[in-house]
Amino acid sequence: MKATVNWQQNMTFIGTANSGFPVKMDADESGGGNNDGARPMELLALGLAGCTAMDVISILRKKQQAVTQFEVRVDAARAETHPKVFTNAVITYVISGNNIQEAAVLRAIELSATKYCPAHFMLGQVFPIELQYEVYEDEGAGGKRLVFQDTWQEKTAQE
């Protein structure tokens, strides 16, 4: 993979990679920017969320789970001093649907975490990543009811 960033002005850059889609990056005003683009560390967190989200939804669809809404949240803590690296993260999978099977959710998370998501595998080598999930029954008209929630651990998948 190749990626390039081109400076526009102040702290604004436009990045492109193999797909060719432009991504605008910037700093806030206190950092000399215009506050009109994503921060590079935000893009790392988004990359992690997107990578595992694509895996999990693909696996749930293959397992014929009736997912109606799906969200992946990443809460990544950062060091207080420079270089302000991520120190840990919690990924929460929020799944809504009809009769979603917990075993299918666990297996999808397991496969993403241990086999398919390179962002998770790589970042997990340098800081701990906790995996949580919430599954809701879609009751229609915007209503939903929590069915189960827990934290995925490798031992959970083996039990």
Protein backbone atom coordinates (compact mmCIF):
# COMPACT_ATOMS: atom_id res chain seq x y z
CA MET A 1 0.00 0.00 0.00
CA LYS A 2 1.18 3.49 -0.79
CA ALA A 3 -0.10 6.67 0.81
CA THR A 4 0.72 10.29 0.11
CA VAL A 5 -0.19 13.52 1.89
CA ASN A 6 0.03 16.86 0.10
CA TRP A 7 0.28 20.08 2.03
CA GLN A 8 -2.43 22.62 1.21
CA GLN A 9 -1.87 25.49 3.67
CA ASN A 10 -1.20 26.03 7.37
CA MET A 11 -1.66 22.50 8.79
CA THR A 12 -4.10 21.24 6.15
CA PHE A 13 -3.11 18.17 4.14
CA ILE A 14 -4.98 16.06 1.61
CA GLY A 15 -4.09 12.38 1.81
CA THR A 16 -4.66 9.70 -0.79
CA ALA A 17 -3.82 6.02 -0.84
CA ASN A 18 -4.30 3.20 -3.34
CA SER A 19 -8.08 3.62 -3.51
CA GLY A 20 -7.66 7.23 -4.63
CA PHE A 21 -10.23 8.71 -2.25
CA PRO A 22 -9.03 12.01 -0.75
CA VAL A 23 -8.96 12.48 3.02
CA LYS A 24 -8.60 15.97 4.45
CA MET A 25 -6.49 16.30 7.58
CA ASP A 26 -5.96 19.38 9.71
CA ALA A 27 -5.10 20.58 13.20
CA ASP A 28 -7.17 22.83 15.42
CA GLU A 29 -6.43 26.54 15.66
CA SER A 30 -4.16 26.11 18.68
CA GLY A 31 -1.99 23.79 16.56
CA GLY A 32 -1.80 26.22 13.66
CA GLY A 33 -4.63 24.70 11.65
CA ASN A 34 -8.05 25.75 10.46
CA ASN A 35 -9.92 22.96 12.29
CA ASP A 36 -11.48 21.74 9.05
CA GLY A 37 -10.25 18.17 8.72
CA ALA A 38 -9.75 14.93 10.61
CA ARG A 39 -6.74 14.55 12.87
CA PRO A 40 -4.26 11.81 11.93
CA MET A 41 -4.81 9.94 15.22
CA GLU A 42 -8.56 10.07 14.64
CA LEU A 43 -7.94 8.35 11.32
CA LEU A 44 -6.06 5.56 13.11
CA ALA A 45 -9.05 5.03 15.42
CA LEU A 46 -11.45 5.18 12.47
CA GLY A 47 -9.29 2.69 10.59
CA LEU A 48 -9.44 0.29 13.52
CA ALA A 49 -13.23 0.69 13.82
CA GLY A 50 -13.78 0.33 10.09
CA CYS A 51 -11.53 -2.68 9.74
CA THR A 52 -13.23 -4.72 12.45
CA ALA A 53 -16.71 -3.44 11.49
CA MET A 54 -16.34 -4.73 7.93
CA ASP A 55 -15.21 -8.12 9.23
CA VAL A 56 -17.97 -8.49 11.81
CA ILE A 57 -20.87 -7.41 9.57
CA SER A 58 -19.59 -9.65 6.77
CA ILE A 59 -19.43 -12.66 9.10
CA LEU A 60 -22.83 -11.93 10.64
CA ARG A 61 -24.37 -11.71 7.16
CA LYS A 62 -22.75 -15.03 6.18
CA LYS A 63 -24.24 -16.51 9.35
CA GLN A 64 -27.62 -15.19 8.16
CA GLN A 65 -28.13 -12.94 11.17
CA ALA A 66 -30.94 -10.41 10.62
CA VAL A 67 -28.97 -7.26 11.48
CA THR A 68 -30.92 -4.01 11.08
CA GLN A 69 -28.41 -1.58 12.62
CA PHE A 70 -24.71 -1.92 13.37
CA GLU A 71 -22.26 0.47 14.97
CA VAL A 72 -18.69 0.06 16.14
CA ARG A 73 -17.39 2.53 18.71
CA VAL A 74 -13.72 2.94 19.55
CA ASP A 75 -12.76 4.74 22.74
CA ALA A 76 -8.98 5.09 22.61
CA ALA A 77 -7.16 6.65 25.56
CA ARG A 78 -4.04 8.67 24.83
CA ALA A 79 -0.93 9.44 26.85
CA GLU A 80 -0.92 12.92 28.38
CA THR A 81 2.60 13.70 27.18
CA HIS A 82 4.13 13.66 23.73
CA PRO A 83 4.06 11.68 21.56
CA LYS A 84 0.52 11.13 23.00
CA VAL A 85 0.23 7.57 21.74
CA PHE A 86 -2.82 5.41 22.32
CA THR A 87 -2.41 3.63 25.66
CA ASN A 88 -5.49 1.39 25.48
CA ALA A 89 -8.77 1.11 23.65
CA VAL A 90 -12.25 -0.27 24.11
CA ILE A 91 -14.12 -1.38 21.01
CA THR A 92 -17.88 -1.72 21.47
CA TYR A 93 -19.97 -3.51 18.86
CA VAL A 94 -23.60 -2.34 19.00
CA ILE A 95 -25.84 -4.66 17.00
CA SER A 96 -29.58 -4.41 16.51
CA GLY A 97 -31.67 -6.97 14.69
CA ASN A 98 -34.11 -9.82 14.96
CA ASN A 99 -33.22 -12.97 16.88
CA ILE A 100 -29.47 -12.29 16.75
CA GLN A 101 -27.59 -15.27 18.16
CA GLU A 102 -24.96 -14.49 20.77
CA ALA A 103 -22.78 -17.37 19.51
CA ALA A 104 -22.72 -15.78 16.05
CA VAL A 105 -21.70 -12.42 17.51
CA LEU A 106 -18.94 -14.02 19.58
CA ARG A 107 -17.61 -15.93 16.59
CA ALA A 108 -17.66 -12.84 14.36
CA ILE A 109 -15.76 -10.80 16.97
CA GLU A 110 -13.31 -13.65 17.52
CA LEU A 111 -12.55 -14.04 13.81
CA SER A 112 -12.07 -10.31 13.36
CA ALA A 113 -9.81 -10.00 16.43
CA THR A 114 -7.71 -13.10 15.85
CA LYS A 115 -7.68 -13.68 12.10
CA TYR A 116 -8.99 -11.02 9.73
CA CYS A 117 -8.49 -7.43 10.97
CA PRO A 118 -4.88 -6.34 10.40
CA ALA A 119 -5.48 -3.01 12.17
CA HIS A 120 -6.61 -4.79 15.35
CA PHE A 121 -3.80 -7.32 15.18
CA MET A 122 -1.14 -4.64 14.63
CA LEU A 123 -2.39 -2.11 17.17
CA GLY A 124 -3.10 -4.85 19.71
CA GLN A 125 0.64 -5.57 19.74
CA VAL A 126 1.36 -2.14 21.27
CA PHE A 127 -1.61 -1.45 23.55
CA PRO A 128 -4.44 -3.47 25.10
CA ILE A 129 -7.77 -3.55 23.27
CA GLU A 130 -10.90 -4.62 25.13
CA LEU A 131 -13.83 -5.90 23.06
CA GLN A 132 -17.37 -5.35 24.28
CA TYR A 133 -20.69 -6.04 22.62
CA GLU A 134 -24.31 -5.04 23.03
CA VAL A 135 -27.10 -6.75 21.13
CA TYR A 136 -30.59 -5.32 20.85
CA GLU A 137 -33.82 -6.81 19.56
CA ASP A 138 -35.25 -4.47 16.94
CA GLU A 139 -38.89 -3.90 17.95
CA GLY A 140 -39.73 -1.67 14.98
CA ALA A 141 -40.65 2.02 14.86
CA GLY A 142 -37.22 2.87 16.28
CA GLY A 143 -37.74 0.79 19.40
CA LYS A 144 -35.18 -1.69 20.62
CA ARG A 145 -34.62 -3.81 23.70
CA LEU A 146 -31.25 -4.91 25.09
CA VAL A 147 -30.98 -8.69 24.78
CA PHE A 148 -27.40 -9.30 25.92
CA GLN A 149 -24.10 -7.54 26.46
CA ASP A 150 -20.70 -8.68 27.63
CA THR A 151 -16.96 -8.45 27.06
CA TRP A 152 -15.41 -10.81 24.52
CA GLN A 153 -12.36 -12.71 25.68
CA GLU A 154 -10.57 -15.55 23.94
CA LYS A 155 -11.72 -17.94 26.66
CA THR A 156 -15.34 -16.84 26.05
CA ALA A 157 -15.20 -18.19 22.51
CA GLN A 158 -13.78 -21.52 23.67
CA GLU A 159 -16.36 -22.19 26.38
